[in-house]
N, C-alpha and C. Protein backbone atom coordinates (compact mmCIF):
# COMPACT_ATOMS: atom_id res chain seq x y z
N MET A 1 -12.01 12.64 20.52
CA MET A 1 -12.06 13.68 19.52
C MET A 1 -13.27 14.57 19.80
N THR A 2 -13.03 15.87 19.81
CA THR A 2 -14.12 16.81 20.06
C THR A 2 -14.80 17.20 18.75
N THR A 3 -15.99 17.71 18.87
CA THR A 3 -16.70 18.19 17.69
C THR A 3 -15.94 19.34 17.04
N THR A 4 -15.35 20.19 17.86
CA THR A 4 -14.56 21.31 17.34
C THR A 4 -13.41 20.81 16.48
N HIS A 5 -12.68 19.83 16.99
CA HIS A 5 -11.56 19.28 16.23
C HIS A 5 -12.07 18.65 14.93
N LEU A 6 -13.14 17.90 15.01
CA LEU A 6 -13.68 17.24 13.82
C LEU A 6 -14.05 18.27 12.75
N VAL A 7 -14.79 19.29 13.13
CA VAL A 7 -15.24 20.29 12.15
C VAL A 7 -14.05 21.06 11.57
N ILE A 8 -13.16 21.53 12.42
CA ILE A 8 -11.99 22.28 11.92
C ILE A 8 -11.15 21.42 10.99
N THR A 9 -10.93 20.17 11.37
CA THR A 9 -10.08 19.31 10.55
C THR A 9 -10.76 18.96 9.23
N LEU A 10 -12.07 18.75 9.24
CA LEU A 10 -12.78 18.49 7.98
C LEU A 10 -12.69 19.70 7.04
N VAL A 11 -12.81 20.89 7.59
CA VAL A 11 -12.66 22.09 6.76
C VAL A 11 -11.24 22.19 6.22
N THR A 12 -10.26 21.89 7.06
CA THR A 12 -8.86 21.93 6.64
C THR A 12 -8.60 20.90 5.54
N ILE A 13 -9.16 19.72 5.70
CA ILE A 13 -9.01 18.67 4.67
C ILE A 13 -9.62 19.15 3.35
N ALA A 14 -10.84 19.66 3.40
CA ALA A 14 -11.52 20.10 2.18
C ALA A 14 -10.75 21.23 1.49
N ALA A 15 -10.29 22.19 2.27
CA ALA A 15 -9.57 23.33 1.69
C ALA A 15 -8.28 22.88 1.03
N ASN A 16 -7.51 22.05 1.71
CA ASN A 16 -6.23 21.61 1.15
C ASN A 16 -6.41 20.64 0.00
N ALA A 17 -7.40 19.78 0.08
CA ALA A 17 -7.65 18.85 -1.03
C ALA A 17 -8.09 19.63 -2.27
N GLY A 18 -8.96 20.60 -2.07
CA GLY A 18 -9.42 21.40 -3.21
C GLY A 18 -8.29 22.15 -3.88
N MET A 19 -7.46 22.82 -3.08
CA MET A 19 -6.34 23.55 -3.66
C MET A 19 -5.28 22.61 -4.20
N GLY A 20 -5.11 21.47 -3.55
CA GLY A 20 -4.15 20.49 -4.05
C GLY A 20 -4.51 20.00 -5.44
N VAL A 21 -5.79 19.74 -5.66
CA VAL A 21 -6.26 19.31 -6.98
C VAL A 21 -6.04 20.44 -7.99
N ALA A 22 -6.38 21.67 -7.60
CA ALA A 22 -6.16 22.82 -8.50
C ALA A 22 -4.69 22.96 -8.86
N ASP A 23 -3.83 22.73 -7.89
CA ASP A 23 -2.38 22.81 -8.16
C ASP A 23 -1.94 21.71 -9.12
N VAL A 24 -2.36 20.49 -8.85
CA VAL A 24 -1.95 19.36 -9.70
C VAL A 24 -2.44 19.57 -11.13
N LEU A 25 -3.65 20.12 -11.27
CA LEU A 25 -4.21 20.37 -12.60
C LEU A 25 -3.69 21.66 -13.23
N ARG A 26 -2.84 22.37 -12.48
CA ARG A 26 -2.24 23.61 -12.96
C ARG A 26 -3.29 24.62 -13.41
N ALA A 27 -4.27 24.84 -12.54
CA ALA A 27 -5.33 25.79 -12.83
C ALA A 27 -4.73 27.17 -13.11
N ARG A 28 -5.36 27.90 -13.99
CA ARG A 28 -4.84 29.19 -14.41
C ARG A 28 -4.64 30.14 -13.23
N PHE A 29 -5.60 30.20 -12.31
CA PHE A 29 -5.47 31.11 -11.17
C PHE A 29 -4.32 30.71 -10.26
N VAL A 30 -4.04 29.42 -10.17
CA VAL A 30 -2.93 28.94 -9.35
C VAL A 30 -1.60 29.35 -9.99
N LEU A 31 -1.50 29.18 -11.28
CA LEU A 31 -0.26 29.56 -11.97
C LEU A 31 -0.02 31.06 -11.89
N ALA A 32 -1.08 31.85 -11.98
CA ALA A 32 -0.93 33.30 -11.86
C ALA A 32 -0.47 33.69 -10.46
N SER A 33 -1.07 33.07 -9.47
CA SER A 33 -0.69 33.36 -8.08
C SER A 33 0.74 32.95 -7.80
N SER A 34 1.13 31.77 -8.25
CA SER A 34 2.50 31.32 -7.99
C SER A 34 3.51 32.20 -8.72
N ALA A 35 3.17 32.64 -9.92
CA ALA A 35 4.07 33.52 -10.66
C ALA A 35 4.25 34.85 -9.94
N SER A 36 3.19 35.32 -9.28
CA SER A 36 3.27 36.62 -8.60
C SER A 36 4.21 36.59 -7.39
N VAL A 37 4.52 35.38 -6.90
CA VAL A 37 5.45 35.27 -5.77
C VAL A 37 6.73 34.53 -6.18
N ASP A 38 6.98 34.50 -7.49
CA ASP A 38 8.21 33.94 -8.05
C ASP A 38 8.40 32.45 -7.79
N VAL A 39 7.29 31.71 -7.72
CA VAL A 39 7.37 30.25 -7.62
C VAL A 39 7.27 29.70 -9.04
N PRO A 40 8.26 28.94 -9.47
CA PRO A 40 8.23 28.42 -10.84
C PRO A 40 7.00 27.54 -11.10
N ALA A 41 6.42 27.67 -12.27
CA ALA A 41 5.23 26.89 -12.62
C ALA A 41 5.48 25.39 -12.51
N GLY A 42 6.69 24.97 -12.76
CA GLY A 42 7.03 23.55 -12.67
C GLY A 42 6.92 22.98 -11.26
N TRP A 43 6.97 23.85 -10.26
CA TRP A 43 6.86 23.40 -8.87
C TRP A 43 5.41 23.19 -8.43
N VAL A 44 4.48 23.80 -9.14
CA VAL A 44 3.09 23.85 -8.68
C VAL A 44 2.49 22.45 -8.49
N PRO A 45 2.63 21.52 -9.43
CA PRO A 45 2.05 20.19 -9.17
C PRO A 45 2.64 19.50 -7.93
N ALA A 46 3.94 19.63 -7.72
CA ALA A 46 4.56 19.02 -6.53
C ALA A 46 4.02 19.65 -5.26
N LEU A 47 3.82 20.96 -5.27
CA LEU A 47 3.25 21.62 -4.10
C LEU A 47 1.82 21.14 -3.87
N GLY A 48 1.09 20.90 -4.95
CA GLY A 48 -0.26 20.35 -4.83
C GLY A 48 -0.26 18.97 -4.22
N ILE A 49 0.70 18.16 -4.60
CA ILE A 49 0.80 16.82 -4.02
C ILE A 49 1.07 16.90 -2.52
N LEU A 50 1.88 17.87 -2.11
CA LEU A 50 2.12 18.05 -0.67
C LEU A 50 0.83 18.42 0.06
N LYS A 51 0.03 19.30 -0.54
CA LYS A 51 -1.25 19.67 0.08
C LYS A 51 -2.18 18.45 0.15
N LEU A 52 -2.21 17.67 -0.91
CA LEU A 52 -3.04 16.46 -0.91
C LEU A 52 -2.56 15.46 0.13
N ALA A 53 -1.26 15.33 0.28
CA ALA A 53 -0.71 14.43 1.30
C ALA A 53 -1.10 14.91 2.69
N GLY A 54 -1.06 16.23 2.90
CA GLY A 54 -1.48 16.78 4.18
C GLY A 54 -2.95 16.49 4.46
N ALA A 55 -3.79 16.66 3.44
CA ALA A 55 -5.21 16.37 3.60
C ALA A 55 -5.42 14.89 3.91
N ALA A 56 -4.70 14.02 3.22
CA ALA A 56 -4.83 12.58 3.45
C ALA A 56 -4.37 12.21 4.86
N GLY A 57 -3.29 12.83 5.31
CA GLY A 57 -2.80 12.56 6.66
C GLY A 57 -3.78 13.01 7.72
N LEU A 58 -4.39 14.17 7.51
CA LEU A 58 -5.42 14.63 8.46
C LEU A 58 -6.59 13.66 8.48
N ALA A 59 -6.98 13.18 7.30
CA ALA A 59 -8.08 12.21 7.23
C ALA A 59 -7.70 10.92 7.96
N ALA A 60 -6.47 10.49 7.81
CA ALA A 60 -6.00 9.30 8.53
C ALA A 60 -6.07 9.53 10.03
N GLY A 61 -5.74 10.73 10.46
CA GLY A 61 -5.83 11.06 11.88
C GLY A 61 -7.26 10.94 12.39
N LEU A 62 -8.22 11.40 11.60
CA LEU A 62 -9.62 11.28 12.00
C LEU A 62 -10.10 9.83 11.98
N ALA A 63 -9.46 9.02 11.14
CA ALA A 63 -9.86 7.63 10.98
C ALA A 63 -9.23 6.70 12.01
N GLY A 64 -8.54 7.26 12.99
CA GLY A 64 -8.00 6.42 14.05
C GLY A 64 -6.50 6.32 14.11
N PHE A 65 -5.81 7.10 13.31
CA PHE A 65 -4.35 7.12 13.32
C PHE A 65 -3.87 8.51 13.73
N PRO A 66 -3.98 8.83 15.01
CA PRO A 66 -3.72 10.20 15.46
C PRO A 66 -2.30 10.69 15.15
N ALA A 67 -1.33 9.81 15.16
CA ALA A 67 0.04 10.25 14.86
C ALA A 67 0.13 10.76 13.42
N ALA A 68 -0.57 10.12 12.51
CA ALA A 68 -0.58 10.58 11.12
C ALA A 68 -1.23 11.95 11.02
N GLY A 69 -2.31 12.15 11.75
CA GLY A 69 -2.97 13.46 11.74
C GLY A 69 -2.09 14.55 12.30
N THR A 70 -1.40 14.25 13.39
CA THR A 70 -0.50 15.24 13.99
C THR A 70 0.65 15.56 13.04
N ALA A 71 1.24 14.54 12.45
CA ALA A 71 2.34 14.76 11.50
C ALA A 71 1.87 15.58 10.30
N ALA A 72 0.68 15.27 9.79
CA ALA A 72 0.14 16.01 8.65
C ALA A 72 -0.11 17.47 9.02
N ALA A 73 -0.67 17.70 10.18
CA ALA A 73 -0.94 19.08 10.61
C ALA A 73 0.37 19.86 10.75
N ILE A 74 1.38 19.23 11.33
CA ILE A 74 2.69 19.89 11.46
C ILE A 74 3.25 20.19 10.06
N GLY A 75 3.14 19.23 9.16
CA GLY A 75 3.62 19.44 7.80
C GLY A 75 2.91 20.60 7.11
N LEU A 76 1.60 20.68 7.28
CA LEU A 76 0.85 21.78 6.67
C LEU A 76 1.21 23.12 7.30
N VAL A 77 1.41 23.13 8.60
CA VAL A 77 1.84 24.37 9.26
C VAL A 77 3.16 24.84 8.64
N LEU A 78 4.12 23.94 8.53
CA LEU A 78 5.42 24.31 7.95
C LEU A 78 5.28 24.74 6.49
N PHE A 79 4.44 24.04 5.75
CA PHE A 79 4.21 24.38 4.35
C PHE A 79 3.71 25.82 4.22
N PHE A 80 2.71 26.16 5.03
CA PHE A 80 2.12 27.49 4.88
C PHE A 80 2.96 28.59 5.51
N VAL A 81 3.80 28.26 6.48
CA VAL A 81 4.79 29.24 6.94
C VAL A 81 5.74 29.55 5.77
N GLY A 82 6.13 28.52 5.05
CA GLY A 82 6.97 28.73 3.86
C GLY A 82 6.26 29.53 2.79
N ALA A 83 4.97 29.28 2.60
CA ALA A 83 4.20 30.04 1.60
C ALA A 83 4.13 31.52 1.98
N ILE A 84 3.93 31.78 3.26
CA ILE A 84 3.91 33.18 3.72
C ILE A 84 5.28 33.81 3.50
N GLY A 85 6.32 33.05 3.76
CA GLY A 85 7.67 33.54 3.51
C GLY A 85 7.87 33.90 2.04
N ALA A 86 7.33 33.08 1.15
CA ALA A 86 7.45 33.37 -0.29
C ALA A 86 6.72 34.67 -0.64
N HIS A 87 5.56 34.87 -0.05
CA HIS A 87 4.80 36.11 -0.31
C HIS A 87 5.55 37.32 0.22
N VAL A 88 6.11 37.20 1.41
CA VAL A 88 6.85 38.32 2.00
C VAL A 88 8.10 38.62 1.17
N ARG A 89 8.82 37.56 0.79
CA ARG A 89 10.03 37.74 -0.01
C ARG A 89 9.73 38.45 -1.33
N ALA A 90 8.57 38.14 -1.91
CA ALA A 90 8.19 38.74 -3.20
C ALA A 90 7.48 40.08 -3.02
N HIS A 91 7.37 40.54 -1.78
CA HIS A 91 6.67 41.80 -1.47
C HIS A 91 5.22 41.75 -1.93
N ALA A 92 4.62 40.57 -1.89
CA ALA A 92 3.22 40.39 -2.29
C ALA A 92 2.36 40.36 -1.04
N LEU A 93 2.44 41.41 -0.27
CA LEU A 93 1.75 41.44 1.02
C LEU A 93 0.23 41.49 0.88
N SER A 94 -0.26 41.99 -0.24
CA SER A 94 -1.71 42.06 -0.42
C SER A 94 -2.32 40.69 -0.64
N THR A 95 -1.49 39.68 -0.90
CA THR A 95 -2.01 38.34 -1.15
C THR A 95 -1.71 37.37 0.00
N LEU A 96 -1.38 37.92 1.15
CA LEU A 96 -1.08 37.05 2.31
C LEU A 96 -2.32 36.38 2.89
N GLY A 97 -3.49 36.86 2.55
CA GLY A 97 -4.71 36.31 3.13
C GLY A 97 -4.91 34.82 2.88
N ALA A 98 -4.66 34.38 1.66
CA ALA A 98 -4.87 32.97 1.34
C ALA A 98 -3.95 32.05 2.13
N PRO A 99 -2.63 32.22 2.04
CA PRO A 99 -1.78 31.32 2.83
C PRO A 99 -1.98 31.52 4.33
N GLY A 100 -2.32 32.75 4.73
CA GLY A 100 -2.59 33.00 6.15
C GLY A 100 -3.81 32.23 6.63
N GLY A 101 -4.84 32.20 5.81
CA GLY A 101 -6.04 31.44 6.17
C GLY A 101 -5.77 29.94 6.26
N TYR A 102 -5.01 29.44 5.30
CA TYR A 102 -4.66 28.02 5.34
C TYR A 102 -3.78 27.70 6.55
N LEU A 103 -2.89 28.63 6.90
CA LEU A 103 -2.05 28.44 8.08
C LEU A 103 -2.92 28.39 9.34
N VAL A 104 -3.88 29.28 9.45
CA VAL A 104 -4.77 29.28 10.62
C VAL A 104 -5.51 27.95 10.72
N LEU A 105 -6.00 27.44 9.59
CA LEU A 105 -6.69 26.14 9.62
C LEU A 105 -5.75 25.01 10.05
N ALA A 106 -4.53 25.02 9.54
CA ALA A 106 -3.58 23.96 9.89
C ALA A 106 -3.22 24.04 11.37
N VAL A 107 -2.98 25.24 11.88
CA VAL A 107 -2.66 25.41 13.30
C VAL A 107 -3.84 24.98 14.15
N ALA A 108 -5.04 25.36 13.74
CA ALA A 108 -6.23 24.99 14.51
C ALA A 108 -6.43 23.48 14.53
N SER A 109 -6.17 22.82 13.41
CA SER A 109 -6.25 21.36 13.38
C SER A 109 -5.23 20.72 14.30
N LEU A 110 -4.03 21.27 14.29
CA LEU A 110 -2.97 20.75 15.16
C LEU A 110 -3.32 20.95 16.63
N VAL A 111 -3.68 22.16 16.99
CA VAL A 111 -3.94 22.47 18.39
C VAL A 111 -5.14 21.71 18.93
N THR A 112 -6.22 21.68 18.18
CA THR A 112 -7.40 20.96 18.66
C THR A 112 -7.16 19.46 18.69
N GLY A 113 -6.34 18.95 17.78
CA GLY A 113 -6.01 17.53 17.80
C GLY A 113 -5.15 17.16 19.00
N MET A 114 -4.24 18.03 19.36
CA MET A 114 -3.36 17.75 20.50
C MET A 114 -4.11 17.92 21.82
N ALA A 115 -5.16 18.70 21.81
CA ALA A 115 -5.92 18.94 23.03
C ALA A 115 -6.86 17.78 23.36
N THR A 116 -7.06 16.87 22.40
CA THR A 116 -8.00 15.77 22.66
C THR A 116 -7.29 14.55 23.18
């Protein structure tokens, strides 16, 4: 494991865990954002659990279970591709930065993990 992979993956874990908790707790800003892209409020906690599962899988990868880390990174990449699709479908192009940033982190975790 390289230092680059470790740092990128730790940032990815922190970002997804933080947003996952906000989703599960149905934070006001999360509900507003999801409503702006036509995601039902009832889906938000489940989406948060997926983010938390991704963060946990990445952590497992760092803890010596590389297949779990790779699977989690792939799952997060797919999740955020879907999130970008939701933003595009809703014509919410001005808000693509957040899911785009999370996608970049997930891809970076995947690529640096596979390179080690």
